[in-house]
PDB file of all heavy atoms in Angstrom:
ATOM      1  N   SER A   1     -33.057  19.887 -20.021  1.00  0.00           N
ATOM      2  CA  SER A   1     -33.208  18.996 -21.177  1.00  0.00           C
ATOM      3  C   SER A   1     -33.524  17.560 -20.765  1.00  0.00           C
ATOM      4  O   SER A   1     -33.507  16.660 -21.604  1.00  0.00           O
ATOM      5  CB  SER A   1     -31.923  19.016 -22.009  1.00  0.00           C
ATOM      6  OG  SER A   1     -30.809  18.567 -21.253  1.00  0.00           O
ATOM      7  N   GLY A   2     -33.803  17.335 -19.489  1.00  0.00           N
ATOM      8  CA  GLY A   2     -34.082  15.991 -18.991  1.00  0.00           C
ATOM      9  C   GLY A   2     -32.866  15.438 -18.257  1.00  0.00           C
ATOM     10  O   GLY A   2     -31.729  15.680 -18.665  1.00  0.00           O
ATOM     11  N   ARG A   3     -33.120  14.700 -17.185  1.00  0.00           N
ATOM     12  CA  ARG A   3     -32.031  14.254 -16.317  1.00  0.00           C
ATOM     13  C   ARG A   3     -30.967  13.455 -17.064  1.00  0.00           C
ATOM     14  O   ARG A   3     -29.768  13.671 -16.890  1.00  0.00           O
ATOM     15  CB  ARG A   3     -32.615  13.419 -15.166  1.00  0.00           C
ATOM     16  CG  ARG A   3     -31.587  12.950 -14.140  1.00  0.00           C
ATOM     17  CD  ARG A   3     -30.954  14.137 -13.428  1.00  0.00           C
ATOM     18  NE  ARG A   3     -30.039  13.702 -12.381  1.00  0.00           N
ATOM     19  CZ  ARG A   3     -29.239  14.526 -11.721  1.00  0.00           C
ATOM     20  NH1 ARG A   3     -29.248  15.827 -12.002  1.00  0.00           N
ATOM     21  NH2 ARG A   3     -28.427  14.079 -10.785  1.00  0.00           N
ATOM     22  N   ALA A   4     -31.404  12.523 -17.897  1.00  0.00           N
ATOM     23  CA  ALA A   4     -30.449  11.674 -18.614  1.00  0.00           C
ATOM     24  C   ALA A   4     -29.559  12.510 -19.528  1.00  0.00           C
ATOM     25  O   ALA A   4     -28.338  12.313 -19.578  1.00  0.00           O
ATOM     26  CB  ALA A   4     -31.189  10.618 -19.423  1.00  0.00           C
ATOM     27  N   ASN A   5     -30.158  13.465 -20.218  1.00  0.00           N
ATOM     28  CA  ASN A   5     -29.387  14.315 -21.134  1.00  0.00           C
ATOM     29  C   ASN A   5     -28.478  15.258 -20.370  1.00  0.00           C
ATOM     30  O   ASN A   5     -27.349  15.522 -20.782  1.00  0.00           O
ATOM     31  CB  ASN A   5     -30.339  15.104 -22.043  1.00  0.00           C
ATOM     32  CG  ASN A   5     -29.610  15.735 -23.217  1.00  0.00           C
ATOM     33  OD1 ASN A   5     -28.770  15.105 -23.847  1.00  0.00           O
ATOM     34  ND2 ASN A   5     -29.941  16.986 -23.501  1.00  0.00           N
ATOM     35  N   GLU A   6     -28.946  15.767 -19.234  1.00  0.00           N
ATOM     36  CA  GLU A   6     -28.120  16.646 -18.398  1.00  0.00           C
ATOM     37  C   GLU A   6     -26.849  15.922 -17.953  1.00  0.00           C
ATOM     38  O   GLU A   6     -25.747  16.463 -18.034  1.00  0.00           O
ATOM     39  CB  GLU A   6     -28.912  17.112 -17.181  1.00  0.00           C
ATOM     40  CG  GLU A   6     -30.009  18.113 -17.483  1.00  0.00           C
ATOM     41  CD  GLU A   6     -30.840  18.466 -16.275  1.00  0.00           C
ATOM     42  OE1 GLU A   6     -30.775  17.713 -15.267  1.00  0.00           O
ATOM     43  OE2 GLU A   6     -31.579  19.460 -16.316  1.00  0.00           O
ATOM     44  N   LEU A   7     -27.020  14.689 -17.485  1.00  0.00           N
ATOM     45  CA  LEU A   7     -25.873  13.917 -17.009  1.00  0.00           C
ATOM     46  C   LEU A   7     -24.937  13.540 -18.145  1.00  0.00           C
ATOM     47  O   LEU A   7     -23.714  13.517 -17.978  1.00  0.00           O
ATOM     48  CB  LEU A   7     -26.359  12.657 -16.293  1.00  0.00           C
ATOM     49  CG  LEU A   7     -27.097  12.891 -14.962  1.00  0.00           C
ATOM     50  CD1 LEU A   7     -27.641  11.578 -14.422  1.00  0.00           C
ATOM     51  CD2 LEU A   7     -26.192  13.558 -13.945  1.00  0.00           C
ATOM     52  N   ALA A   8     -25.503  13.278 -19.308  1.00  0.00           N
ATOM     53  CA  ALA A   8     -24.674  12.903 -20.455  1.00  0.00           C
ATOM     54  C   ALA A   8     -23.837  14.082 -20.943  1.00  0.00           C
ATOM     55  O   ALA A   8     -22.679  13.921 -21.353  1.00  0.00           O
ATOM     56  CB  ALA A   8     -25.555  12.380 -21.589  1.00  0.00           C
ATOM     57  N   ARG A   9     -24.392  15.278 -20.886  1.00  0.00           N
ATOM     58  CA  ARG A   9     -23.716  16.456 -21.427  1.00  0.00           C
ATOM     59  C   ARG A   9     -22.829  17.162 -20.404  1.00  0.00           C
ATOM     60  O   ARG A   9     -21.837  17.793 -20.766  1.00  0.00           O
ATOM     61  CB  ARG A   9     -24.755  17.434 -21.984  1.00  0.00           C
ATOM     62  CG  ARG A   9     -25.552  16.882 -23.159  1.00  0.00           C
ATOM     63  CD  ARG A   9     -26.692  17.791 -23.550  1.00  0.00           C
ATOM     64  NE  ARG A   9     -26.229  19.071 -24.059  1.00  0.00           N
ATOM     65  CZ  ARG A   9     -27.067  20.048 -24.420  1.00  0.00           C
ATOM     66  NH1 ARG A   9     -28.372  19.893 -24.316  1.00  0.00           N
ATOM     67  NH2 ARG A   9     -26.572  21.181 -24.886  1.00  0.00           N
ATOM     68  N   ALA A  10     -23.208  17.100 -19.134  1.00  0.00           N
ATOM     69  CA  ALA A  10     -22.436  17.827 -18.104  1.00  0.00           C
ATOM     70  C   ALA A  10     -22.604  17.135 -16.760  1.00  0.00           C
ATOM     71  O   ALA A  10     -22.962  17.756 -15.758  1.00  0.00           O
ATOM     72  CB  ALA A  10     -22.887  19.282 -18.026  1.00  0.00           C
ATOM     73  N   GLY A  11     -22.322  15.827 -16.737  1.00  0.00           N
ATOM     74  CA  GLY A  11     -22.596  15.017 -15.559  1.00  0.00           C
ATOM     75  C   GLY A  11     -21.963  15.521 -14.280  1.00  0.00           C
ATOM     76  O   GLY A  11     -22.608  15.568 -13.228  1.00  0.00           O
ATOM     77  N   LYS A  12     -20.690  15.911 -14.324  1.00  0.00           N
ATOM     78  CA  LYS A  12     -19.988  16.357 -13.119  1.00  0.00           C
ATOM     79  C   LYS A  12     -20.666  17.576 -12.499  1.00  0.00           C
ATOM     80  O   LYS A  12     -20.823  17.670 -11.277  1.00  0.00           O
ATOM     81  CB  LYS A  12     -18.535  16.685 -13.447  1.00  0.00           C
ATOM     82  CG  LYS A  12     -17.690  17.048 -12.230  1.00  0.00           C
ATOM     83  CD  LYS A  12     -16.274  17.415 -12.627  1.00  0.00           C
ATOM     84  CE  LYS A  12     -15.543  16.239 -13.221  1.00  0.00           C
ATOM     85  NZ  LYS A  12     -14.117  16.571 -13.506  1.00  0.00           N
ATOM     86  N   LEU A  13     -21.106  18.490 -13.345  1.00  0.00           N
ATOM     87  CA  LEU A  13     -21.730  19.721 -12.851  1.00  0.00           C
ATOM     88  C   LEU A  13     -23.084  19.432 -12.224  1.00  0.00           C
ATOM     89  O   LEU A  13     -23.486  20.070 -11.250  1.00  0.00           O
ATOM     90  CB  LEU A  13     -21.870  20.728 -13.993  1.00  0.00           C
ATOM     91  CG  LEU A  13     -20.560  21.238 -14.604  1.00  0.00           C
ATOM     92  CD1 LEU A  13     -20.842  22.108 -15.822  1.00  0.00           C
ATOM     93  CD2 LEU A  13     -19.753  22.022 -13.571  1.00  0.00           C
ATOM     94  N   PHE A  14     -23.826  18.472 -12.791  1.00  0.00           N
ATOM     95  CA  PHE A  14     -25.145  18.158 -12.250  1.00  0.00           C
ATOM     96  C   PHE A  14     -25.055  17.250 -11.031  1.00  0.00           C
ATOM     97  O   PHE A  14     -25.876  17.340 -10.120  1.00  0.00           O
ATOM     98  CB  PHE A  14     -26.021  17.526 -13.336  1.00  0.00           C
ATOM     99  CG  PHE A  14     -26.557  18.534 -14.317  1.00  0.00           C
ATOM    100  CD1 PHE A  14     -25.901  18.780 -15.515  1.00  0.00           C
ATOM    101  CD2 PHE A  14     -27.701  19.261 -14.031  1.00  0.00           C
ATOM    102  CE1 PHE A  14     -26.380  19.722 -16.405  1.00  0.00           C
ATOM    103  CE2 PHE A  14     -28.192  20.200 -14.915  1.00  0.00           C
ATOM    104  CZ  PHE A  14     -27.534  20.441 -16.113  1.00  0.00           C
ATOM    105  N   ASN A  15     -24.071  16.374 -11.002  1.00  0.00           N
ATOM    106  CA  ASN A  15     -23.916  15.472  -9.862  1.00  0.00           C
ATOM    107  C   ASN A  15     -23.609  16.238  -8.578  1.00  0.00           C
ATOM    108  O   ASN A  15     -24.041  15.857  -7.494  1.00  0.00           O
ATOM    109  CB  ASN A  15     -22.806  14.443 -10.130  1.00  0.00           C
ATOM    110  CG  ASN A  15     -23.307  13.286 -10.986  1.00  0.00           C
ATOM    111  OD1 ASN A  15     -24.499  12.974 -10.961  1.00  0.00           O
ATOM    112  ND2 ASN A  15     -22.423  12.673 -11.744  1.00  0.00           N
ATOM    113  N   LYS A  16     -22.843  17.302  -8.677  1.00  0.00           N
ATOM    114  CA  LYS A  16     -22.502  18.106  -7.503  1.00  0.00           C
ATOM    115  C   LYS A  16     -23.724  18.828  -6.951  1.00  0.00           C
ATOM    116  O   LYS A  16     -23.798  19.136  -5.776  1.00  0.00           O
ATOM    117  CB  LYS A  16     -21.410  19.121  -7.863  1.00  0.00           C
ATOM    118  CG  LYS A  16     -20.048  18.482  -8.149  1.00  0.00           C
ATOM    119  CD  LYS A  16     -19.461  17.833  -6.907  1.00  0.00           C
ATOM    120  CE  LYS A  16     -18.068  17.314  -7.168  1.00  0.00           C
ATOM    121  NZ  LYS A  16     -17.479  16.644  -5.993  1.00  0.00           N
ATOM    122  N   SER A  17     -24.671  19.145  -7.816  1.00  0.00           N
ATOM    123  CA  SER A  17     -25.992  19.713  -7.487  1.00  0.00           C
ATOM    124  C   SER A  17     -25.999  21.160  -6.990  1.00  0.00           C
ATOM    125  O   SER A  17     -27.059  21.730  -6.754  1.00  0.00           O
ATOM    126  CB  SER A  17     -26.736  18.838  -6.471  1.00  0.00           C
ATOM    127  OG  SER A  17     -26.275  19.044  -5.147  1.00  0.00           O
ATOM    128  N   TYR A  18     -24.826  21.793  -6.852  1.00  0.00           N
ATOM    129  CA  TYR A  18     -24.810  23.186  -6.385  1.00  0.00           C
ATOM    130  C   TYR A  18     -25.422  24.124  -7.432  1.00  0.00           C
ATOM    131  O   TYR A  18     -26.271  24.962  -7.110  1.00  0.00           O
ATOM    132  CB  TYR A  18     -23.373  23.625  -6.072  1.00  0.00           C
ATOM    133  CG  TYR A  18     -22.712  22.801  -5.001  1.00  0.00           C
ATOM    134  CD1 TYR A  18     -21.629  21.986  -5.285  1.00  0.00           C
ATOM    135  CD2 TYR A  18     -23.194  22.828  -3.693  1.00  0.00           C
ATOM    136  CE1 TYR A  18     -21.022  21.216  -4.300  1.00  0.00           C
ATOM    137  CE2 TYR A  18     -22.604  22.065  -2.692  1.00  0.00           C
ATOM    138  CZ  TYR A  18     -21.511  21.251  -3.013  1.00  0.00           C
ATOM    139  OH  TYR A  18     -20.932  20.497  -2.034  1.00  0.00           O
ATOM    140  N   LEU A  19     -24.996  23.984  -8.677  1.00  0.00           N
ATOM    141  CA  LEU A  19     -25.546  24.833  -9.732  1.00  0.00           C
ATOM    142  C   LEU A  19     -27.029  24.545  -9.942  1.00  0.00           C
ATOM    143  O   LEU A  19     -27.822  25.458 -10.206  1.00  0.00           O
ATOM    144  CB  LEU A  19     -24.780  24.634 -11.039  1.00  0.00           C
ATOM    145  CG  LEU A  19     -23.304  25.033 -11.040  1.00  0.00           C
ATOM    146  CD1 LEU A  19     -22.712  24.873 -12.440  1.00  0.00           C
ATOM    147  CD2 LEU A  19     -23.102  26.456 -10.549  1.00  0.00           C
ATOM    148  N   SER A  20     -27.408  23.269  -9.817  1.00  0.00           N
ATOM    149  CA  SER A  20     -28.821  22.909  -9.971  1.00  0.00           C
ATOM    150  C   SER A  20     -29.674  23.568  -8.901  1.00  0.00           C
ATOM    151  O   SER A  20     -30.800  23.999  -9.160  1.00  0.00           O
ATOM    152  CB  SER A  20     -28.995  21.391  -9.913  1.00  0.00           C
ATOM    153  OG  SER A  20     -28.331  20.756 -10.979  1.00  0.00           O
ATOM    154  N   ALA A  21     -29.144  23.646  -7.682  1.00  0.00           N
ATOM    155  CA  ALA A  21     -29.878  24.295  -6.593  1.00  0.00           C
ATOM    156  C   ALA A  21     -30.108  25.770  -6.896  1.00  0.00           C
ATOM    157  O   ALA A  21     -31.191  26.308  -6.654  1.00  0.00           O
ATOM    158  CB  ALA A  21     -29.111  24.135  -5.279  1.00  0.00           C
ATOM    159  N   ILE A  22     -29.088  26.413  -7.440  1.00  0.00           N
ATOM    160  CA  ILE A  22     -29.227  27.828  -7.801  1.00  0.00           C
ATOM    161  C   ILE A  22     -30.227  27.988  -8.938  1.00  0.00           C
ATOM    162  O   ILE A  22     -31.122  28.837  -8.897  1.00  0.00           O
ATOM    163  CB  ILE A  22     -27.856  28.415  -8.203  1.00  0.00           C
ATOM    164  CG1 ILE A  22     -26.870  28.318  -7.033  1.00  0.00           C
ATOM    165  CG2 ILE A  22     -28.004  29.873  -8.657  1.00  0.00           C
ATOM    166  CD1 ILE A  22     -25.427  28.632  -7.415  1.00  0.00           C
ATOM    167  N   ALA A  23     -30.095  27.140  -9.967  1.00  0.00           N
ATOM    168  CA  ALA A  23     -30.977  27.240 -11.132  1.00  0.00           C
ATOM    169  C   ALA A  23     -32.432  26.964 -10.768  1.00  0.00           C
ATOM    170  O   ALA A  23     -33.349  27.547 -11.355  1.00  0.00           O
ATOM    171  CB  ALA A  23     -30.513  26.271 -12.214  1.00  0.00           C
ATOM    172  N   SER A  24     -32.657  26.092  -9.786  1.00  0.00           N
ATOM    173  CA  SER A  24     -34.027  25.728  -9.412  1.00  0.00           C
ATOM    174  C   SER A  24     -34.796  26.908  -8.825  1.00  0.00           C
ATOM    175  O   SER A  24     -36.030  26.918  -8.826  1.00  0.00           O
ATOM    176  CB  SER A  24     -34.017  24.574  -8.401  1.00  0.00           C
ATOM    177  OG  SER A  24     -33.513  25.001  -7.142  1.00  0.00           O
ATOM    178  N   LYS A  25     -34.076  27.906  -8.319  1.00  0.00           N
ATOM    179  CA  LYS A  25     -34.724  29.079  -7.731  1.00  0.00           C
ATOM    180  C   LYS A  25     -34.630  30.310  -8.635  1.00  0.00           C
ATOM    181  O   LYS A  25     -34.910  31.433  -8.196  1.00  0.00           O
ATOM    182  CB  LYS A  25     -34.106  29.392  -6.366  1.00  0.00           C
ATOM    183  CG  LYS A  25     -34.369  28.306  -5.327  1.00  0.00           C
ATOM    184  CD  LYS A  25     -33.846  28.711  -3.955  1.00  0.00           C
ATOM    185  CE  LYS A  25     -34.150  27.651  -2.906  1.00  0.00           C
ATOM    186  NZ  LYS A  25     -33.666  28.044  -1.558  1.00  0.00           N
ATOM    187  N   PHE A  26     -34.246  30.080  -9.894  1.00  0.00           N
ATOM    188  CA  PHE A  26     -34.094  31.208 -10.819  1.00  0.00           C
ATOM    189  C   PHE A  26     -35.368  32.041 -10.889  1.00  0.00           C
ATOM    190  O   PHE A  26     -36.474  31.519 -11.004  1.00  0.00           O
ATOM    191  CB  PHE A  26     -33.747  30.703 -12.222  1.00  0.00           C
ATOM    192  CG  PHE A  26     -33.680  31.803 -13.248  1.00  0.00           C
ATOM    193  CD1 PHE A  26     -32.568  32.624 -13.327  1.00  0.00           C
ATOM    194  CD2 PHE A  26     -34.745  32.035 -14.104  1.00  0.00           C
ATOM    195  CE1 PHE A  26     -32.510  33.654 -14.250  1.00  0.00           C
ATOM    196  CE2 PHE A  26     -34.692  33.062 -15.039  1.00  0.00           C
ATOM    197  CZ  PHE A  26     -33.563  33.871 -15.106  1.00  0.00           C
ATOM    198  N   ASP A  27     -35.186  33.346 -10.822  1.00  0.00           N
ATOM    199  CA  ASP A  27     -36.304  34.287 -10.865  1.00  0.00           C
ATOM    200  C   ASP A  27     -35.917  35.430 -11.790  1.00  0.00           C
ATOM    201  O   ASP A  27     -35.015  36.211 -11.477  1.00  0.00           O
ATOM    202  CB  ASP A  27     -36.596  34.803  -9.454  1.00  0.00           C
ATOM    203  CG  ASP A  27     -37.742  35.807  -9.417  1.00  0.00           C
ATOM    204  OD1 ASP A  27     -38.314  36.127 -10.477  1.00  0.00           O
ATOM    205  OD2 ASP A  27     -38.071  36.281  -8.307  1.00  0.00           O
ATOM    206  N   LEU A  28     -36.585  35.523 -12.924  1.00  0.00           N
ATOM    207  CA  LEU A  28     -36.266  36.570 -13.901  1.00  0.00           C
ATOM    208  C   LEU A  28     -36.323  37.959 -13.285  1.00  0.00           C
ATOM    209  O   LEU A  28     -35.524  38.836 -13.624  1.00  0.00           O
ATOM    210  CB  LEU A  28     -37.238  36.493 -15.086  1.00  0.00           C
ATOM    211  CG  LEU A  28     -37.072  37.552 -16.178  1.00  0.00           C
ATOM    212  CD1 LEU A  28     -35.739  37.378 -16.894  1.00  0.00           C
ATOM    213  CD2 LEU A  28     -38.223  37.496 -17.172  1.00  0.00           C
ATOM    214  N   GLY A  29     -37.251  38.144 -12.352  1.00  0.00           N
ATOM    215  CA  GLY A  29     -37.416  39.461 -11.738  1.00  0.00           C
ATOM    216  C   GLY A  29     -36.231  39.908 -10.910  1.00  0.00           C
ATOM    217  O   GLY A  29     -36.116  41.087 -10.569  1.00  0.00           O
ATOM    218  N   ARG A  30     -35.330  38.973 -10.578  1.00  0.00           N
ATOM    219  CA  ARG A  30     -34.168  39.327  -9.757  1.00  0.00           C
ATOM    220  C   ARG A  30     -32.885  39.411 -10.576  1.00  0.00           C
ATOM    221  O   ARG A  30     -31.799  39.552 -10.015  1.00  0.00           O
ATOM    222  CB  ARG A  30     -33.992  38.311  -8.632  1.00  0.00           C
ATOM    223  CG  ARG A  30     -35.141  38.286  -7.642  1.00  0.00           C
ATOM    224  CD  ARG A  30     -34.831  37.359  -6.483  1.00  0.00           C
ATOM    225  NE  ARG A  30     -33.764  37.887  -5.635  1.00  0.00           N
ATOM    226  CZ  ARG A  30     -33.182  37.202  -4.670  1.00  0.00           C
ATOM    227  NH1 ARG A  30     -33.543  35.954  -4.430  1.00  0.00           N
ATOM    228  NH2 ARG A  30     -32.214  37.746  -3.940  1.00  0.00           N
ATOM    229  N   THR A  31     -32.982  39.317 -11.883  1.00  0.00           N
ATOM    230  CA  THR A  31     -31.777  39.388 -12.701  1.00  0.00           C
ATOM    231  C   THR A  31     -31.348  40.825 -12.870  1.00  0.00           C
ATOM    232  O   THR A  31     -32.158  41.690 -13.160  1.00  0.00           O
ATOM    233  CB  THR A  31     -32.014  38.766 -14.088  1.00  0.00           C
ATOM    234  OG1 THR A  31     -33.179  39.348 -14.687  1.00  0.00           O
ATOM    235  CG2 THR A  31     -32.213  37.264 -13.971  1.00  0.00           C
ATOM    236  N   ASP A  32     -30.040  41.099 -12.685  1.00  0.00           N
ATOM    237  CA  ASP A  32     -29.565  42.480 -12.731  1.00  0.00           C
ATOM    238  C   ASP A  32     -28.997  42.871 -14.086  1.00  0.00           C
ATOM    239  O   ASP A  32     -28.420  43.937 -14.220  1.00  0.00           O
ATOM    240  CB  ASP A  32     -28.538  42.745 -11.629  1.00  0.00           C
ATOM    241  CG  ASP A  32     -27.212  42.048 -11.879  1.00  0.00           C
ATOM    242  OD1 ASP A  32     -27.130  41.224 -12.811  1.00  0.00           O
ATOM    243  OD2 ASP A  32     -26.258  42.332 -11.138  1.00  0.00           O
TER     244      ASP A  32
END
């Protein structure tokens, strides 16, 4: 939803960047 909105809605989760790293490589073909 855009960096500013991401930080406003869930800043702690985005600042840590672990979930963002996982989401950045999301591939529908690998979903079980």
